[in-house]
Amino acid sequence: MLEGEGFAEPNPRPMFPNPPGLLRIEPHSDGLRKRIWWGSSSNATARWAAGLGMHLMSSTLKDDENGKPFHVQQAEQIAAYREAWKEAGHEGEPRVSVSRSIMPIVNDTDRAYFGHERTSTDQIGFIDATTRAIFGRTYAAEPEVLVKELAADEAIAAADTLLLTVPSQLGVDYNAHLISSVLKYVAPELGWR
């Protein structure tokens, strides 16, 4: 259906003339099928998404499947996804994004908001009575420290896209400053483009 195949019977008394045959999803978007992303919290759902040909979006939270650090588990999830993509025989390369909270501390305002996060670690919790989850740490430090920490993040290295999560409650101007700080002080040192 996403590729434009008709599936719905037209109204027998339409307000406007219908094309012949079954109706498709409208508005139609050529190539939509190749632009669908799945937000996966487990290795199993990552493999499932790959089997269906969807791209993988892995956020800052996933099922804690083996007690390893968040970034290691997320890198394992990406590897499982890419293996399942190959097994399914899809054409093209799958896309993978990961999300991170990255707060460069470059002035007193940054320090006031995020200085306490310098010692941030992964957190464990429960999504429901049986699903243990791991939430990735916030990266908050001076740029030279962030570069070293982020270079060791296995999931960032395995992904082809990094999404930055920003504290929207701090407003547009402050978030523009945060993103600018990442782009100016961190990204070039890591070879990100």
Protein backbone atom coordinates (compact mmCIF):
# COMPACT_ATOMS: atom_id res chain seq x y z
CA MET A 1 0.00 0.00 0.00
CA LEU A 2 2.87 2.39 0.76
CA GLU A 3 4.12 1.87 -2.78
CA GLY A 4 0.82 3.12 -4.22
CA GLU A 5 -1.08 -0.11 -4.68
CA GLY A 6 -4.85 0.28 -4.47
CA PHE A 7 -6.64 -1.37 -1.53
CA ALA A 8 -9.86 0.55 -0.74
CA GLU A 9 -13.20 0.25 -2.50
CA PRO A 10 -14.32 3.65 -3.78
CA ASN A 11 -17.53 5.22 -2.53
CA PRO A 12 -20.29 4.24 -4.96
CA ARG A 13 -21.61 7.82 -4.86
CA PRO A 14 -18.45 9.97 -4.66
CA MET A 15 -18.49 13.76 -4.49
CA PHE A 16 -15.77 13.78 -7.17
CA PRO A 17 -14.97 11.18 -9.83
CA ASN A 18 -12.64 8.39 -8.69
CA PRO A 19 -9.98 6.76 -10.84
CA PRO A 20 -10.87 3.23 -11.94
CA GLY A 21 -10.15 0.34 -9.57
CA LEU A 22 -9.19 0.31 -5.90
CA LEU A 23 -8.06 3.52 -4.24
CA ARG A 24 -4.56 4.00 -2.84
CA ILE A 25 -3.36 5.95 0.19
CA GLU A 26 -3.47 9.67 -0.55
CA PRO A 27 -1.53 11.81 -0.69
CA HIS A 28 0.86 9.37 -2.35
CA SER A 29 4.60 9.82 -1.88
CA ASP A 30 6.91 7.98 -4.27
CA GLY A 31 9.68 6.21 -2.38
CA LEU A 32 7.96 6.51 1.03
CA ARG A 33 8.59 2.84 1.71
CA LYS A 34 12.35 3.49 1.66
CA ARG A 35 12.09 6.40 4.10
CA ILE A 36 10.39 4.67 7.04
CA TRP A 37 12.30 4.44 10.33
CA TRP A 38 11.51 2.20 13.28
CA GLY A 39 12.31 3.23 16.84
CA SER A 40 13.48 0.01 18.45
CA SER A 41 14.03 -0.66 22.13
CA SER A 42 15.27 -4.25 21.85
CA ASN A 43 17.53 -6.36 19.68
CA ALA A 44 14.53 -8.47 18.64
CA THR A 45 12.52 -5.48 17.40
CA ALA A 46 15.62 -4.15 15.63
CA ARG A 47 15.89 -7.46 13.75
CA TRP A 48 12.14 -7.35 13.04
CA ALA A 49 12.44 -3.82 11.58
CA ALA A 50 15.38 -4.91 9.40
CA GLY A 51 13.36 -7.86 8.10
CA LEU A 52 10.68 -5.42 6.96
CA GLY A 53 13.21 -3.08 5.35
CA MET A 54 12.79 -0.18 7.77
CA HIS A 55 15.68 1.98 8.92
CA LEU A 56 16.66 1.85 12.61
CA MET A 57 16.33 4.69 15.08
CA SER A 58 17.71 3.88 18.52
CA SER A 59 17.18 6.49 21.18
CA THR A 60 18.69 7.08 24.62
CA LEU A 61 16.62 4.27 26.14
CA LYS A 62 16.59 0.54 25.35
CA ASP A 63 15.81 -2.76 26.99
CA ASP A 64 18.65 -3.81 29.28
CA GLU A 65 19.36 -7.16 27.67
CA ASN A 66 22.69 -8.10 29.21
CA GLY A 67 23.86 -5.60 31.86
CA LYS A 68 26.58 -4.09 29.68
CA PRO A 69 26.96 -0.29 29.37
CA PHE A 70 24.26 1.42 27.31
CA HIS A 71 26.48 2.33 24.35
CA VAL A 72 27.78 -1.26 24.11
CA GLN A 73 24.26 -2.74 24.15
CA GLN A 74 23.18 -0.21 21.54
CA ALA A 75 26.16 -1.12 19.32
CA GLU A 76 25.15 -4.80 19.66
CA GLN A 77 21.60 -3.83 18.67
CA ILE A 78 22.94 -2.08 15.55
CA ALA A 79 25.04 -5.14 14.63
CA ALA A 80 22.00 -7.43 15.04
CA TYR A 81 19.93 -5.08 12.89
CA ARG A 82 22.50 -4.93 10.08
CA GLU A 83 22.92 -8.72 10.12
CA ALA A 84 19.13 -9.17 9.82
CA TRP A 85 19.04 -6.62 6.97
CA LYS A 86 21.60 -8.69 5.04
CA GLU A 87 19.76 -11.94 5.79
CA ALA A 88 16.53 -10.41 4.45
CA GLY A 89 18.29 -9.60 1.16
CA HIS A 90 17.21 -5.97 0.95
CA GLU A 91 18.78 -3.72 -1.64
CA GLY A 92 20.80 -0.73 -0.51
CA GLU A 93 22.36 0.10 2.82
CA PRO A 94 20.23 0.44 5.92
CA ARG A 95 20.35 3.73 7.82
CA VAL A 96 20.89 3.81 11.57
CA SER A 97 20.52 6.75 13.93
CA VAL A 98 21.32 7.00 17.61
CA SER A 99 20.39 9.84 19.98
CA ARG A 100 22.56 11.47 22.60
CA SER A 101 22.33 14.28 25.12
CA ILE A 102 25.58 16.20 24.56
CA MET A 103 26.10 19.38 26.60
CA PRO A 104 29.41 21.16 25.96
CA ILE A 105 30.32 23.35 28.92
CA VAL A 106 31.84 26.49 27.42
CA ASN A 107 30.50 29.26 29.69
CA ASP A 108 29.04 29.92 33.13
CA THR A 109 25.46 29.37 31.98
CA ASP A 110 26.36 25.89 30.68
CA ARG A 111 28.15 25.18 33.94
CA ALA A 112 25.10 26.27 35.98
CA TYR A 113 22.71 24.12 33.94
CA PHE A 114 24.86 21.03 33.35
CA GLY A 115 27.94 21.11 35.57
CA HIS A 116 26.32 18.56 37.90
CA GLU A 117 25.96 16.16 34.94
CA ARG A 118 29.74 15.76 34.51
CA THR A 119 29.52 12.53 36.52
CA SER A 120 26.39 11.27 34.74
CA THR A 121 26.17 7.51 34.30
CA ASP A 122 23.75 5.11 32.63
CA GLN A 123 20.57 4.59 34.63
CA ILE A 124 18.50 1.45 35.10
CA GLY A 125 14.74 1.38 35.53
CA PHE A 126 11.62 -0.57 34.64
CA ILE A 127 9.26 0.32 31.78
CA ASP A 128 6.70 -2.13 33.15
CA ALA A 129 6.67 -4.96 35.67
CA THR A 130 8.93 -7.19 33.55
CA THR A 131 10.92 -4.90 31.22
CA ARG A 132 14.19 -3.68 32.66
CA ALA A 133 15.53 -0.71 30.71
CA ILE A 134 18.79 1.17 30.50
CA PHE A 135 18.91 4.89 29.86
CA GLY A 136 22.09 6.35 28.39
CA ARG A 137 24.04 8.95 30.29
CA THR A 138 24.16 12.65 29.54
CA TYR A 139 27.48 13.75 28.09
CA ALA A 140 28.24 17.06 29.85
CA ALA A 141 31.79 18.41 30.09
CA GLU A 142 34.29 20.78 28.57
CA PRO A 143 34.72 20.11 24.82
CA GLU A 144 38.12 18.41 25.11
CA VAL A 145 36.67 15.94 27.65
CA LEU A 146 33.57 15.35 25.51
CA VAL A 147 35.73 14.52 22.49
CA LYS A 148 37.50 11.75 24.42
CA GLU A 149 34.26 10.37 25.91
CA LEU A 150 32.31 10.43 22.65
CA ALA A 151 35.17 8.81 20.73
CA ALA A 152 34.78 5.80 23.03
CA ASP A 153 31.01 5.49 22.43
CA GLU A 154 30.66 2.30 20.37
CA ALA A 155 27.12 2.99 19.18
CA ILE A 156 27.97 6.45 17.85
CA ALA A 157 30.82 4.84 15.92
CA ALA A 158 28.47 2.16 14.53
CA ALA A 159 25.65 4.52 13.50
CA ASP A 160 25.59 6.71 10.41
CA THR A 161 23.45 9.46 11.97
CA LEU A 162 23.62 11.13 15.38
CA LEU A 163 20.54 12.94 16.69
CA LEU A 164 21.10 15.46 19.46
CA THR A 165 18.51 15.67 22.20
CA VAL A 166 18.19 19.15 23.62
CA PRO A 167 16.42 20.52 26.70
CA SER A 168 13.52 22.26 24.96
CA GLN A 169 12.37 23.82 28.23
CA LEU A 170 15.48 26.05 28.14
CA GLY A 171 14.28 27.82 25.00
CA VAL A 172 15.32 28.28 21.40
CA ASP A 173 18.22 30.67 22.02
CA TYR A 174 19.91 28.45 24.59
CA ASN A 175 19.44 25.32 22.49
CA ALA A 176 20.86 27.10 19.45
CA HIS A 177 23.90 27.86 21.64
CA LEU A 178 24.20 24.18 22.66
CA ILE A 179 24.00 22.92 19.09
CA SER A 180 26.44 25.59 17.95
CA SER A 181 28.88 24.53 20.70
CA VAL A 182 28.68 20.90 19.56
CA LEU A 183 29.27 21.93 15.95
CA LYS A 184 32.10 24.34 16.77
CA TYR A 185 34.04 22.54 19.52
CA VAL A 186 33.18 18.83 19.40
CA ALA A 187 32.15 17.71 15.90
CA PRO A 188 35.31 18.84 14.06
CA GLU A 189 37.57 17.04 16.54
CA LEU A 190 35.66 13.78 15.96
CA GLY A 191 35.47 14.13 12.18
CA TRP A 192 31.67 14.49 12.23
CA ARG A 193 30.07 16.25 9.33
